[in-house]
Amino acid sequence: MHKSWWKITAVVLLVYTIVGGFLMDVPRLFILNESIRNLYFHVSMWFTMMILFGVSLVYSIKYLRTQKYRNDIFASAYAGTGTFMGLLGYATGAVWANYTWVTDQGQSLSNILKEPKLLGAGIAILIYCAYFVLRGSFTDIDKRARVTAVYNIFAFAMLFPTIWIIPRLVGSLHPGAPGSESGNPALNFNDIDSRLRMVFYPAVIGWTLLAVWISTIKIRIKLLSDKSLL
């Protein structure tokens, strides 16, 4: 039981996130209104994605330093789960955009598809999808681990211009971006209030713990199947 406390914590926090996310009171910000509840899912999943990609990066660097195959397994598992969380974050963001950018702001679908934040996020996810395509193109295990470890460093570095820097330079409909009509309820302390913090921060921890849990299961399966190589 003492080794499973964080798994129990993950379940408790996610139950609290779902219940609180739909039932607890939220501020009615301009344009966002009730859709602000998606903050606990869309933004939290993106936070989780970034955390897991960071962990994957650390293991890739460790592999390059130690050449231990175990580190490559960890890097791959965390990158995979991070990509999955990124896809969930992208999907929930698309739903959010439909009810704010399209419905409330009257933006056309063509404008949404050209939105810099949306394009940047899509490119970032595709870069990590290419990481797994690259892994599948090698038959030599050591060469695969070395090449993909270097690529993983490149992929993580590309997250910042595609998601954070370029959309802010060219303008974006996304909340918090220069020229947007609404604030950023996640990162701007002038917008977020205690009602949002009570659910948002536990949601980030809960989704992150769940993602780590999924990653550890994948790692155990891989370690068992590749036990002779360790």
C-alpha atoms as a PDB file:
ATOM      1  CA  MET A   1       0.000   0.000   0.000  1.00  0.00           C
ATOM      2  CA  HIS A   2       2.811   2.420   0.875  1.00  0.00           C
ATOM      3  CA  LYS A   3       4.174   2.145  -2.691  1.00  0.00           C
ATOM      4  CA  SER A   4       0.799   2.906  -4.245  1.00  0.00           C
ATOM      5  CA  TRP A   5       0.028   6.157  -2.437  1.00  0.00           C
ATOM      6  CA  TRP A   6       0.720   8.256  -5.536  1.00  0.00           C
ATOM      7  CA  LYS A   7      -1.616   6.104  -7.641  1.00  0.00           C
ATOM      8  CA  ILE A   8      -4.371   6.526  -5.083  1.00  0.00           C
ATOM      9  CA  THR A   9      -3.613  10.245  -5.062  1.00  0.00           C
ATOM     10  CA  ALA A  10      -3.946  10.350  -8.848  1.00  0.00           C
ATOM     11  CA  VAL A  11      -7.380   8.713  -8.743  1.00  0.00           C
ATOM     12  CA  VAL A  12      -8.597  10.987  -5.944  1.00  0.00           C
ATOM     13  CA  LEU A  13      -7.365  14.144  -7.683  1.00  0.00           C
ATOM     14  CA  LEU A  14      -8.904  13.190 -11.024  1.00  0.00           C
ATOM     15  CA  VAL A  15     -12.254  12.366  -9.458  1.00  0.00           C
ATOM     16  CA  TYR A  16     -12.090  15.740  -7.721  1.00  0.00           C
ATOM     17  CA  THR A  17     -11.135  17.397 -11.036  1.00  0.00           C
ATOM     18  CA  ILE A  18     -14.060  15.891 -12.918  1.00  0.00           C
ATOM     19  CA  VAL A  19     -16.632  16.546 -10.206  1.00  0.00           C
ATOM     20  CA  GLY A  20     -15.314  19.997  -9.331  1.00  0.00           C
ATOM     21  CA  GLY A  21     -14.739  20.871 -12.957  1.00  0.00           C
ATOM     22  CA  PHE A  22     -18.378  20.393 -13.855  1.00  0.00           C
ATOM     23  CA  LEU A  23     -20.117  21.393 -10.642  1.00  0.00           C
ATOM     24  CA  MET A  24     -18.071  24.055  -8.847  1.00  0.00           C
ATOM     25  CA  ASP A  25     -18.630  27.744  -9.516  1.00  0.00           C
ATOM     26  CA  VAL A  26     -16.349  29.488 -12.042  1.00  0.00           C
ATOM     27  CA  PRO A  27     -15.804  33.145 -13.024  1.00  0.00           C
ATOM     28  CA  ARG A  28     -17.629  34.353 -16.133  1.00  0.00           C
ATOM     29  CA  LEU A  29     -14.819  35.856 -18.177  1.00  0.00           C
ATOM     30  CA  PHE A  30     -15.572  37.624 -21.448  1.00  0.00           C
ATOM     31  CA  ILE A  31     -16.087  35.144 -24.333  1.00  0.00           C
ATOM     32  CA  LEU A  32     -14.949  32.157 -22.226  1.00  0.00           C
ATOM     33  CA  ASN A  33     -17.983  32.046 -19.914  1.00  0.00           C
ATOM     34  CA  GLU A  34     -18.832  28.451 -18.873  1.00  0.00           C
ATOM     35  CA  SER A  35     -16.320  27.037 -21.355  1.00  0.00           C
ATOM     36  CA  ILE A  36     -13.618  28.100 -18.903  1.00  0.00           C
ATOM     37  CA  ARG A  37     -14.184  24.735 -17.218  1.00  0.00           C
ATOM     38  CA  ASN A  38     -12.153  23.188 -20.017  1.00  0.00           C
ATOM     39  CA  LEU A  39      -9.163  24.792 -18.307  1.00  0.00           C
ATOM     40  CA  TYR A  40      -9.042  21.766 -15.992  1.00  0.00           C
ATOM     41  CA  PHE A  41      -8.697  19.412 -18.951  1.00  0.00           C
ATOM     42  CA  HIS A  42      -7.173  21.147 -21.993  1.00  0.00           C
ATOM     43  CA  VAL A  43      -4.542  23.254 -20.221  1.00  0.00           C
ATOM     44  CA  SER A  44      -3.771  20.633 -17.565  1.00  0.00           C
ATOM     45  CA  MET A  45      -3.124  18.033 -20.262  1.00  0.00           C
ATOM     46  CA  TRP A  46      -0.741  20.398 -22.034  1.00  0.00           C
ATOM     47  CA  PHE A  47       1.102  20.959 -18.754  1.00  0.00           C
ATOM     48  CA  THR A  48       1.325  17.189 -18.330  1.00  0.00           C
ATOM     49  CA  MET A  49       2.603  16.806 -21.891  1.00  0.00           C
ATOM     50  CA  MET A  50       5.396  19.311 -21.259  1.00  0.00           C
ATOM     51  CA  ILE A  51       6.383  17.608 -17.993  1.00  0.00           C
ATOM     52  CA  LEU A  52       6.562  14.165 -19.594  1.00  0.00           C
ATOM     53  CA  PHE A  53       8.501  15.435 -22.596  1.00  0.00           C
ATOM     54  CA  GLY A  54      10.925  16.989 -20.117  1.00  0.00           C
ATOM     55  CA  VAL A  55      11.337  13.661 -18.297  1.00  0.00           C
ATOM     56  CA  SER A  56      11.851  11.913 -21.639  1.00  0.00           C
ATOM     57  CA  LEU A  57      14.532  14.463 -22.510  1.00  0.00           C
ATOM     58  CA  VAL A  58      16.382  13.759 -19.264  1.00  0.00           C
ATOM     59  CA  TYR A  59      16.441  10.009 -19.972  1.00  0.00           C
ATOM     60  CA  SER A  60      17.653  10.599 -23.537  1.00  0.00           C
ATOM     61  CA  ILE A  61      20.535  12.677 -22.208  1.00  0.00           C
ATOM     62  CA  LYS A  62      21.252   9.978 -19.618  1.00  0.00           C
ATOM     63  CA  TYR A  63      21.366   7.391 -22.382  1.00  0.00           C
ATOM     64  CA  LEU A  64      23.866   9.427 -24.392  1.00  0.00           C
ATOM     65  CA  ARG A  65      26.061   9.707 -21.287  1.00  0.00           C
ATOM     66  CA  THR A  66      25.795   6.109 -20.049  1.00  0.00           C
ATOM     67  CA  GLN A  67      24.747   4.074 -23.131  1.00  0.00           C
ATOM     68  CA  LYS A  68      22.414   2.088 -20.888  1.00  0.00           C
ATOM     69  CA  TYR A  69      19.498   0.626 -22.873  1.00  0.00           C
ATOM     70  CA  ARG A  70      17.215   1.000 -19.862  1.00  0.00           C
ATOM     71  CA  ASN A  71      17.360   4.795 -20.216  1.00  0.00           C
ATOM     72  CA  ASP A  72      16.229   4.545 -23.847  1.00  0.00           C
ATOM     73  CA  ILE A  73      13.201   2.525 -22.746  1.00  0.00           C
ATOM     74  CA  PHE A  74      12.280   5.173 -20.191  1.00  0.00           C
ATOM     75  CA  ALA A  75      12.733   7.984 -22.729  1.00  0.00           C
ATOM     76  CA  SER A  76      10.521   6.245 -25.279  1.00  0.00           C
ATOM     77  CA  ALA A  77       7.779   5.438 -22.759  1.00  0.00           C
ATOM     78  CA  TYR A  78       7.524   8.979 -21.409  1.00  0.00           C
ATOM     79  CA  ALA A  79       7.635  10.464 -24.912  1.00  0.00           C
ATOM     80  CA  GLY A  80       4.807   8.151 -25.969  1.00  0.00           C
ATOM     81  CA  THR A  81       2.569   9.030 -23.056  1.00  0.00           C
ATOM     82  CA  GLY A  82       3.436  12.711 -23.459  1.00  0.00           C
ATOM     83  CA  THR A  83       2.373  12.567 -27.100  1.00  0.00           C
ATOM     84  CA  PHE A  84      -0.891  10.891 -26.097  1.00  0.00           C
ATOM     85  CA  MET A  85      -1.589  13.647 -23.558  1.00  0.00           C
ATOM     86  CA  GLY A  86      -0.731  16.202 -26.226  1.00  0.00           C
ATOM     87  CA  LEU A  87      -3.299  14.678 -28.574  1.00  0.00           C
ATOM     88  CA  LEU A  88      -5.917  14.823 -25.813  1.00  0.00           C
ATOM     89  CA  GLY A  89      -4.970  18.434 -25.130  1.00  0.00           C
ATOM     90  CA  TYR A  90      -5.242  19.240 -28.829  1.00  0.00           C
ATOM     91  CA  ALA A  91      -8.671  17.590 -29.067  1.00  0.00           C
ATOM     92  CA  THR A  92     -10.052  19.383 -26.008  1.00  0.00           C
ATOM     93  CA  GLY A  93      -8.593  22.627 -27.353  1.00  0.00           C
ATOM     94  CA  ALA A  94     -10.402  22.103 -30.660  1.00  0.00           C
ATOM     95  CA  VAL A  95     -13.686  21.649 -28.799  1.00  0.00           C
ATOM     96  CA  TRP A  96     -12.984  24.799 -26.788  1.00  0.00           C
ATOM     97  CA  ALA A  97     -12.216  26.771 -29.941  1.00  0.00           C
ATOM     98  CA  ASN A  98     -15.513  25.673 -31.459  1.00  0.00           C
ATOM     99  CA  TYR A  99     -17.460  27.224 -28.581  1.00  0.00           C
ATOM    100  CA  THR A 100     -15.397  30.417 -28.270  1.00  0.00           C
ATOM    101  CA  TRP A 101     -13.626  31.341 -31.508  1.00  0.00           C
ATOM    102  CA  VAL A 102     -16.336  30.035 -33.857  1.00  0.00           C
ATOM    103  CA  THR A 103     -19.546  30.521 -31.870  1.00  0.00           C
ATOM    104  CA  ASP A 104     -18.872  33.595 -29.702  1.00  0.00           C
ATOM    105  CA  GLN A 105     -16.319  35.431 -31.857  1.00  0.00           C
ATOM    106  CA  GLY A 106     -17.833  34.455 -35.180  1.00  0.00           C
ATOM    107  CA  GLN A 107     -14.545  33.258 -36.667  1.00  0.00           C
ATOM    108  CA  SER A 108     -14.740  31.149 -39.820  1.00  0.00           C
ATOM    109  CA  LEU A 109     -13.357  27.624 -40.013  1.00  0.00           C
ATOM    110  CA  SER A 110     -10.666  28.795 -42.453  1.00  0.00           C
ATOM    111  CA  ASN A 111      -9.418  31.337 -39.891  1.00  0.00           C
ATOM    112  CA  ILE A 112      -9.365  28.690 -37.179  1.00  0.00           C
ATOM    113  CA  LEU A 113      -7.324  26.310 -39.342  1.00  0.00           C
ATOM    114  CA  LYS A 114      -4.758  29.084 -39.931  1.00  0.00           C
ATOM    115  CA  GLU A 115      -4.579  30.042 -36.254  1.00  0.00           C
ATOM    116  CA  PRO A 116      -0.855  30.155 -35.234  1.00  0.00           C
ATOM    117  CA  LYS A 117      -1.319  28.494 -31.845  1.00  0.00           C
ATOM    118  CA  LEU A 118      -3.287  25.652 -33.416  1.00  0.00           C
ATOM    119  CA  LEU A 119      -0.748  25.185 -36.193  1.00  0.00           C
ATOM    120  CA  GLY A 120       2.178  25.356 -33.786  1.00  0.00           C
ATOM    121  CA  ALA A 121       0.639  22.777 -31.476  1.00  0.00           C
ATOM    122  CA  GLY A 122      -0.045  20.481 -34.413  1.00  0.00           C
ATOM    123  CA  ILE A 123       3.538  20.803 -35.637  1.00  0.00           C
ATOM    124  CA  ALA A 124       4.892  20.059 -32.147  1.00  0.00           C
ATOM    125  CA  ILE A 125       2.837  16.863 -31.908  1.00  0.00           C
ATOM    126  CA  LEU A 126       3.854  15.798 -35.421  1.00  0.00           C
ATOM    127  CA  ILE A 127       7.516  16.274 -34.492  1.00  0.00           C
ATOM    128  CA  TYR A 128       7.081  13.785 -31.651  1.00  0.00           C
ATOM    129  CA  CYS A 129       5.094  11.422 -33.875  1.00  0.00           C
ATOM    130  CA  ALA A 130       8.102  11.473 -36.203  1.00  0.00           C
ATOM    131  CA  TYR A 131      10.214  10.393 -33.217  1.00  0.00           C
ATOM    132  CA  PHE A 132       8.366   7.059 -33.161  1.00  0.00           C
ATOM    133  CA  VAL A 133       8.484   6.708 -36.935  1.00  0.00           C
ATOM    134  CA  LEU A 134      12.247   7.181 -36.648  1.00  0.00           C
ATOM    135  CA  ARG A 135      12.472   4.533 -33.939  1.00  0.00           C
ATOM    136  CA  GLY A 136      10.641   2.075 -36.132  1.00  0.00           C
ATOM    137  CA  SER A 137      13.026   2.623 -39.044  1.00  0.00           C
ATOM    138  CA  PHE A 138      16.022   1.056 -37.264  1.00  0.00           C
ATOM    139  CA  THR A 139      16.726  -2.616 -36.765  1.00  0.00           C
ATOM    140  CA  ASP A 140      19.953  -2.048 -34.829  1.00  0.00           C
ATOM    141  CA  ILE A 141      18.937  -1.360 -31.213  1.00  0.00           C
ATOM    142  CA  ASP A 142      22.018   0.635 -30.217  1.00  0.00           C
ATOM    143  CA  LYS A 143      21.896   2.832 -33.315  1.00  0.00           C
ATOM    144  CA  ARG A 144      18.182   3.410 -32.809  1.00  0.00           C
ATOM    145  CA  ALA A 145      18.722   4.478 -29.221  1.00  0.00           C
ATOM    146  CA  ARG A 146      21.553   6.884 -30.100  1.00  0.00           C
ATOM    147  CA  VAL A 147      19.854   8.540 -33.065  1.00  0.00           C
ATOM    148  CA  THR A 148      16.466   8.898 -31.394  1.00  0.00           C
ATOM    149  CA  ALA A 149      18.053  10.255 -28.210  1.00  0.00           C
ATOM    150  CA  VAL A 150      19.606  13.070 -30.246  1.00  0.00           C
ATOM    151  CA  TYR A 151      16.325  13.611 -32.093  1.00  0.00           C
ATOM    152  CA  ASN A 152      14.466  13.762 -28.780  1.00  0.00           C
ATOM    153  CA  ILE A 153      16.648  16.682 -27.687  1.00  0.00           C
ATOM    154  CA  PHE A 154      15.836  18.461 -30.954  1.00  0.00           C
ATOM    155  CA  ALA A 155      12.113  17.696 -30.563  1.00  0.00           C
ATOM    156  CA  PHE A 156      11.987  19.157 -27.059  1.00  0.00           C
ATOM    157  CA  ALA A 157      13.819  22.288 -28.181  1.00  0.00           C
ATOM    158  CA  MET A 158      11.255  22.763 -30.965  1.00  0.00           C
ATOM    159  CA  LEU A 159       8.381  22.840 -28.468  1.00  0.00           C
ATOM    160  CA  PHE A 160       9.217  26.378 -27.399  1.00  0.00           C
ATOM    161  CA  PRO A 161       9.188  28.158 -30.781  1.00  0.00           C
ATOM    162  CA  THR A 162       6.190  26.207 -32.107  1.00  0.00           C
ATOM    163  CA  ILE A 163       3.952  26.508 -29.031  1.00  0.00           C
ATOM    164  CA  TRP A 164       5.142  29.550 -27.080  1.00  0.00           C
ATOM    165  CA  ILE A 165       7.300  31.936 -29.121  1.00  0.00           C
ATOM    166  CA  ILE A 166       6.034  32.104 -32.732  1.00  0.00           C
ATOM    167  CA  PRO A 167       2.295  32.359 -31.873  1.00  0.00           C
ATOM    168  CA  ARG A 168       3.072  35.318 -29.614  1.00  0.00           C
ATOM    169  CA  LEU A 169       5.112  37.054 -32.305  1.00  0.00           C
ATOM    170  CA  VAL A 170       2.554  36.760 -35.102  1.00  0.00           C
ATOM    171  CA  GLY A 171      -0.587  37.225 -33.009  1.00  0.00           C
ATOM    172  CA  SER A 172      -3.159  34.643 -32.033  1.00  0.00           C
ATOM    173  CA  LEU A 173      -6.799  34.196 -31.069  1.00  0.00           C
ATOM    174  CA  HIS A 174      -5.641  32.128 -28.125  1.00  0.00           C
ATOM    175  CA  PRO A 175      -6.369  33.634 -24.679  1.00  0.00           C
ATOM    176  CA  GLY A 176      -3.382  35.529 -23.329  1.00  0.00           C
ATOM    177  CA  ALA A 177      -1.810  36.151 -26.721  1.00  0.00           C
ATOM    178  CA  PRO A 178      -1.162  39.735 -27.869  1.00  0.00           C
ATOM    179  CA  GLY A 179      -4.253  41.031 -29.604  1.00  0.00           C
ATOM    180  CA  SER A 180      -6.605  38.440 -28.145  1.00  0.00           C
ATOM    181  CA  GLU A 181      -9.853  39.653 -26.649  1.00  0.00           C
ATOM    182  CA  SER A 182      -9.755  37.558 -23.511  1.00  0.00           C
ATOM    183  CA  GLY A 183      -7.211  36.910 -20.830  1.00  0.00           C
ATOM    184  CA  ASN A 184      -5.405  33.687 -20.124  1.00  0.00           C
ATOM    185  CA  PRO A 185      -7.191  32.024 -17.203  1.00  0.00           C
ATOM    186  CA  ALA A 186      -4.310  29.634 -16.596  1.00  0.00           C
ATOM    187  CA  LEU A 187      -1.157  31.737 -16.610  1.00  0.00           C
ATOM    188  CA  ASN A 188      -2.336  35.284 -15.914  1.00  0.00           C
ATOM    189  CA  PHE A 189      -2.819  35.879 -12.200  1.00  0.00           C
ATOM    190  CA  ASN A 190      -4.970  38.886 -13.015  1.00  0.00           C
ATOM    191  CA  ASP A 191      -7.502  36.489 -14.532  1.00  0.00           C
ATOM    192  CA  ILE A 192      -7.308  33.286 -12.506  1.00  0.00           C
ATOM    193  CA  ASP A 193      -9.010  33.425  -9.104  1.00  0.00           C
ATOM    194  CA  SER A 194      -9.302  31.129  -6.109  1.00  0.00           C
ATOM    195  CA  ARG A 195     -12.233  29.217  -7.616  1.00  0.00           C
ATOM    196  CA  LEU A 196     -10.116  28.174 -10.583  1.00  0.00           C
ATOM    197  CA  ARG A 197      -6.983  27.507  -8.547  1.00  0.00           C
ATOM    198  CA  MET A 198      -8.880  25.090  -6.278  1.00  0.00           C
ATOM    199  CA  VAL A 199      -9.380  22.732  -9.218  1.00  0.00           C
ATOM    200  CA  PHE A 200      -6.716  23.705 -11.763  1.00  0.00           C
ATOM    201  CA  TYR A 201      -3.621  22.915  -9.680  1.00  0.00           C
ATOM    202  CA  PRO A 202      -4.952  19.548  -8.421  1.00  0.00           C
ATOM    203  CA  ALA A 203      -5.922  18.772 -12.040  1.00  0.00           C
ATOM    204  CA  VAL A 204      -2.355  19.334 -13.266  1.00  0.00           C
ATOM    205  CA  ILE A 205      -1.007  17.043 -10.537  1.00  0.00           C
ATOM    206  CA  GLY A 206      -3.704  14.437 -11.144  1.00  0.00           C
ATOM    207  CA  TRP A 207      -3.229  14.234 -14.916  1.00  0.00           C
ATOM    208  CA  THR A 208       0.550  14.152 -14.485  1.00  0.00           C
ATOM    209  CA  LEU A 209       0.403  11.297 -11.987  1.00  0.00           C
ATOM    210  CA  LEU A 210      -1.947   9.366 -14.273  1.00  0.00           C
ATOM    211  CA  ALA A 211       0.436   9.863 -17.197  1.00  0.00           C
ATOM    212  CA  VAL A 212       3.378   8.699 -15.083  1.00  0.00           C
ATOM    213  CA  TRP A 213       1.336   5.667 -14.036  1.00  0.00           C
ATOM    214  CA  ILE A 214       0.655   4.782 -17.681  1.00  0.00           C
ATOM    215  CA  SER A 215       4.338   5.266 -18.492  1.00  0.00           C
ATOM    216  CA  THR A 216       5.496   2.969 -15.696  1.00  0.00           C
ATOM    217  CA  ILE A 217       3.194   0.219 -16.956  1.00  0.00           C
ATOM    218  CA  LYS A 218       4.628   0.582 -20.455  1.00  0.00           C
ATOM    219  CA  ILE A 219       8.149   0.526 -19.044  1.00  0.00           C
ATOM    220  CA  ARG A 220       7.522  -2.649 -17.038  1.00  0.00           C
ATOM    221  CA  ILE A 221       6.111  -4.428 -20.107  1.00  0.00           C
ATOM    222  CA  LYS A 222       9.090  -3.348 -22.222  1.00  0.00           C
ATOM    223  CA  LEU A 223      11.618  -4.335 -19.554  1.00  0.00           C
ATOM    224  CA  LEU A 224      10.073  -7.784 -19.302  1.00  0.00           C
ATOM    225  CA  SER A 225      10.052  -8.292 -23.073  1.00  0.00           C
ATOM    226  CA  ASP A 226      13.628  -7.020 -23.512  1.00  0.00           C
ATOM    227  CA  LYS A 227      15.084  -8.503 -20.335  1.00  0.00           C
ATOM    228  CA  SER A 228      17.861 -10.282 -22.229  1.00  0.00           C
ATOM    229  CA  LEU A 229      19.137  -6.948 -23.596  1.00  0.00           C
ATOM    230  CA  LEU A 230      19.508  -5.198 -20.243  1.00  0.00           C
END
